[in-house]
Amino acid sequence: MLGLHDSRRDDDPDVQRLLCAVAEARALTAFILAAWQVARALTVHLVEAVLAEWARQPTAWPPGPVCDTAKRR
């Protein structure tokens, strides 16, 4: 099962830029906006990782109504 650690991309330059923006924020508004961007990037990476994992799993097709055998594509 995919864990949160598996979806993190700390070595990604874009993520590093976002984390630096959080660390360098000097106002509450700037901090919140920077943290929001980090959360958005983390969410994108997490969704991509989960969808890739789902794509690797075989599809269990239900049996057909007429011949009662599983469909395959």
N, C-alpha and C. Protein backbone atom coordinates (compact mmCIF):
# COMPACT_ATOMS: atom_id res chain seq x y z
N MET A 1 0.83 -1.18 0.00
CA MET A 1 0.00 0.00 0.00
C MET A 1 0.88 1.25 0.00
N LEU A 2 0.44 2.23 -0.73
CA LEU A 2 1.19 3.47 -0.85
C LEU A 2 1.07 4.28 0.43
N GLY A 3 2.20 4.75 0.91
CA GLY A 3 2.21 5.61 2.09
C GLY A 3 2.52 7.04 1.70
N LEU A 4 2.29 7.94 2.63
CA LEU A 4 2.56 9.34 2.36
C LEU A 4 4.03 9.56 2.04
N HIS A 5 4.91 8.82 2.71
CA HIS A 5 6.35 8.97 2.46
C HIS A 5 6.68 8.63 1.01
N ASP A 6 5.97 7.68 0.41
CA ASP A 6 6.23 7.28 -0.96
C ASP A 6 5.89 8.37 -1.96
N SER A 7 5.00 9.27 -1.60
CA SER A 7 4.56 10.30 -2.54
C SER A 7 5.33 11.61 -2.39
N ARG A 8 6.15 11.72 -1.35
CA ARG A 8 6.90 12.96 -1.13
C ARG A 8 8.00 13.12 -2.15
N ARG A 9 8.25 14.34 -2.56
CA ARG A 9 9.29 14.62 -3.53
C ARG A 9 10.18 15.74 -3.00
N ASP A 10 10.86 15.48 -1.89
CA ASP A 10 11.71 16.50 -1.28
C ASP A 10 12.86 16.92 -2.18
N ASP A 11 13.27 16.04 -3.09
CA ASP A 11 14.40 16.36 -3.96
C ASP A 11 13.97 17.10 -5.22
N ASP A 12 12.68 17.27 -5.43
CA ASP A 12 12.14 17.99 -6.58
C ASP A 12 12.43 19.49 -6.41
N PRO A 13 13.07 20.13 -7.38
CA PRO A 13 13.39 21.55 -7.26
C PRO A 13 12.15 22.43 -7.06
N ASP A 14 11.04 22.06 -7.67
CA ASP A 14 9.81 22.85 -7.50
C ASP A 14 9.31 22.77 -6.06
N VAL A 15 9.39 21.58 -5.48
CA VAL A 15 8.98 21.41 -4.09
C VAL A 15 9.94 22.16 -3.17
N GLN A 16 11.22 22.10 -3.47
CA GLN A 16 12.20 22.84 -2.67
C GLN A 16 11.91 24.34 -2.70
N ARG A 17 11.56 24.85 -3.87
CA ARG A 17 11.23 26.27 -4.01
C ARG A 17 10.03 26.62 -3.14
N LEU A 18 9.03 25.75 -3.15
CA LEU A 18 7.83 26.00 -2.34
C LEU A 18 8.15 25.95 -0.85
N LEU A 19 8.98 25.00 -0.44
CA LEU A 19 9.36 24.90 0.97
C LEU A 19 10.19 26.11 1.41
N CYS A 20 11.04 26.61 0.53
CA CYS A 20 11.81 27.81 0.85
C CYS A 20 10.89 29.02 1.02
N ALA A 21 9.86 29.10 0.19
CA ALA A 21 8.91 30.21 0.31
C ALA A 21 8.20 30.17 1.66
N VAL A 22 7.90 28.98 2.15
CA VAL A 22 7.27 28.85 3.48
C VAL A 22 8.25 29.31 4.55
N ALA A 23 9.50 28.86 4.45
CA ALA A 23 10.50 29.20 5.46
C ALA A 23 10.83 30.69 5.47
N GLU A 24 10.74 31.33 4.31
CA GLU A 24 11.11 32.74 4.21
C GLU A 24 9.94 33.71 4.39
N ALA A 25 8.74 33.19 4.57
CA ALA A 25 7.57 34.06 4.73
C ALA A 25 7.72 34.89 6.00
N ARG A 26 7.45 36.18 5.89
CA ARG A 26 7.58 37.08 7.02
C ARG A 26 6.24 37.62 7.51
N ALA A 27 5.19 37.33 6.78
CA ALA A 27 3.85 37.77 7.19
C ALA A 27 2.94 36.55 7.21
N LEU A 28 1.92 36.62 8.03
CA LEU A 28 0.99 35.50 8.14
C LEU A 28 0.35 35.17 6.81
N THR A 29 -0.06 36.19 6.08
CA THR A 29 -0.69 35.96 4.77
C THR A 29 0.26 35.26 3.82
N ALA A 30 1.51 35.69 3.77
CA ALA A 30 2.51 35.07 2.90
C ALA A 30 2.76 33.63 3.32
N PHE A 31 2.81 33.40 4.63
CA PHE A 31 3.03 32.04 5.14
C PHE A 31 1.87 31.11 4.74
N ILE A 32 0.65 31.58 4.92
CA ILE A 32 -0.52 30.76 4.58
C ILE A 32 -0.57 30.46 3.09
N LEU A 33 -0.31 31.47 2.27
CA LEU A 33 -0.33 31.24 0.82
C LEU A 33 0.77 30.27 0.39
N ALA A 34 1.96 30.39 0.98
CA ALA A 34 3.05 29.48 0.64
C ALA A 34 2.74 28.06 1.11
N ALA A 35 2.19 27.94 2.31
CA ALA A 35 1.82 26.61 2.82
C ALA A 35 0.72 25.99 1.97
N TRP A 36 -0.18 26.79 1.48
CA TRP A 36 -1.25 26.30 0.60
C TRP A 36 -0.65 25.71 -0.68
N GLN A 37 0.36 26.36 -1.23
CA GLN A 37 1.01 25.86 -2.44
C GLN A 37 1.74 24.54 -2.18
N VAL A 38 2.34 24.41 -1.01
CA VAL A 38 2.99 23.14 -0.65
C VAL A 38 1.93 22.04 -0.55
N ALA A 39 0.81 22.34 0.09
CA ALA A 39 -0.27 21.35 0.23
C ALA A 39 -0.82 20.95 -1.14
N ARG A 40 -0.96 21.91 -2.03
CA ARG A 40 -1.45 21.61 -3.38
C ARG A 40 -0.48 20.70 -4.12
N ALA A 41 0.81 21.01 -4.04
CA ALA A 41 1.81 20.18 -4.72
C ALA A 41 1.85 18.77 -4.14
N LEU A 42 1.76 18.67 -2.82
CA LEU A 42 1.74 17.35 -2.17
C LEU A 42 0.51 16.56 -2.61
N THR A 43 -0.61 17.23 -2.70
CA THR A 43 -1.84 16.57 -3.14
C THR A 43 -1.71 16.03 -4.56
N VAL A 44 -1.14 16.82 -5.45
CA VAL A 44 -0.95 16.38 -6.84
C VAL A 44 -0.06 15.16 -6.88
N HIS A 45 1.06 15.18 -6.15
CA HIS A 45 1.97 14.04 -6.14
C HIS A 45 1.28 12.80 -5.55
N LEU A 46 0.52 12.99 -4.50
CA LEU A 46 -0.16 11.86 -3.87
C LEU A 46 -1.20 11.24 -4.80
N VAL A 47 -2.00 12.07 -5.45
CA VAL A 47 -3.02 11.57 -6.38
C VAL A 47 -2.36 10.85 -7.56
N GLU A 48 -1.30 11.42 -8.09
CA GLU A 48 -0.58 10.77 -9.20
C GLU A 48 -0.05 9.40 -8.78
N ALA A 49 0.51 9.31 -7.59
CA ALA A 49 1.06 8.04 -7.12
C ALA A 49 -0.04 6.99 -6.92
N VAL A 50 -1.16 7.40 -6.35
CA VAL A 50 -2.27 6.46 -6.13
C VAL A 50 -2.85 6.00 -7.46
N LEU A 51 -3.05 6.92 -8.39
CA LEU A 51 -3.60 6.54 -9.69
C LEU A 51 -2.65 5.60 -10.44
N ALA A 52 -1.35 5.83 -10.33
CA ALA A 52 -0.38 4.94 -10.96
C ALA A 52 -0.44 3.55 -10.33
N GLU A 53 -0.60 3.50 -9.01
CA GLU A 53 -0.72 2.21 -8.32
C GLU A 53 -1.99 1.48 -8.77
N TRP A 54 -3.08 2.20 -8.85
CA TRP A 54 -4.33 1.59 -9.31
C TRP A 54 -4.21 1.07 -10.74
N ALA A 55 -3.49 1.80 -11.58
CA ALA A 55 -3.33 1.39 -12.97
C ALA A 55 -2.54 0.09 -13.10
N ARG A 56 -1.66 -0.18 -12.14
CA ARG A 56 -0.85 -1.41 -12.18
C ARG A 56 -1.63 -2.63 -11.70
N GLN A 57 -2.74 -2.43 -11.04
CA GLN A 57 -3.51 -3.56 -10.52
C GLN A 57 -4.44 -4.11 -11.60
N PRO A 58 -4.60 -5.43 -11.64
CA PRO A 58 -5.50 -6.01 -12.64
C PRO A 58 -6.96 -5.65 -12.33
N THR A 59 -7.74 -5.60 -13.39
CA THR A 59 -9.16 -5.29 -13.25
C THR A 59 -9.93 -6.59 -13.07
N ALA A 60 -10.77 -6.66 -12.05
CA ALA A 60 -11.61 -7.83 -11.83
C ALA A 60 -12.97 -7.55 -12.46
N TRP A 61 -13.19 -8.15 -13.62
CA TRP A 61 -14.44 -7.94 -14.33
C TRP A 61 -15.52 -8.86 -13.77
N PRO A 62 -16.73 -8.36 -13.61
CA PRO A 62 -17.82 -9.22 -13.14
C PRO A 62 -18.25 -10.18 -14.24
N PRO A 63 -18.86 -11.29 -13.86
CA PRO A 63 -19.33 -12.23 -14.88
C PRO A 63 -20.45 -11.61 -15.71
N GLY A 64 -20.49 -12.00 -16.97
CA GLY A 64 -21.51 -11.51 -17.88
C GLY A 64 -22.88 -12.10 -17.55
N PRO A 65 -23.95 -11.39 -17.90
CA PRO A 65 -25.29 -11.85 -17.57
C PRO A 65 -25.75 -13.06 -18.40
N VAL A 66 -25.16 -13.26 -19.57
CA VAL A 66 -25.62 -14.33 -20.46
C VAL A 66 -24.83 -15.61 -20.25
N CYS A 67 -23.51 -15.53 -20.39
CA CYS A 67 -22.71 -16.76 -20.34
C CYS A 67 -22.00 -16.96 -19.01
N ASP A 68 -22.11 -16.01 -18.08
CA ASP A 68 -21.56 -16.12 -16.74
C ASP A 68 -20.05 -16.29 -16.70
N THR A 69 -19.36 -15.75 -17.72
CA THR A 69 -17.91 -15.73 -17.70
C THR A 69 -17.43 -14.29 -17.58
N ALA A 70 -16.26 -14.13 -17.02
CA ALA A 70 -15.74 -12.78 -16.81
C ALA A 70 -15.35 -12.13 -18.14
N LYS A 71 -15.65 -10.85 -18.26
CA LYS A 71 -15.28 -10.10 -19.45
C LYS A 71 -13.80 -9.75 -19.35
N ARG A 72 -13.17 -9.64 -20.50
CA ARG A 72 -11.76 -9.22 -20.54
C ARG A 72 -11.57 -8.25 -21.68
N ARG A 73 -10.74 -7.24 -21.44
CA ARG A 73 -10.42 -6.28 -22.49
C ARG A 73 -8.95 -6.12 -22.59
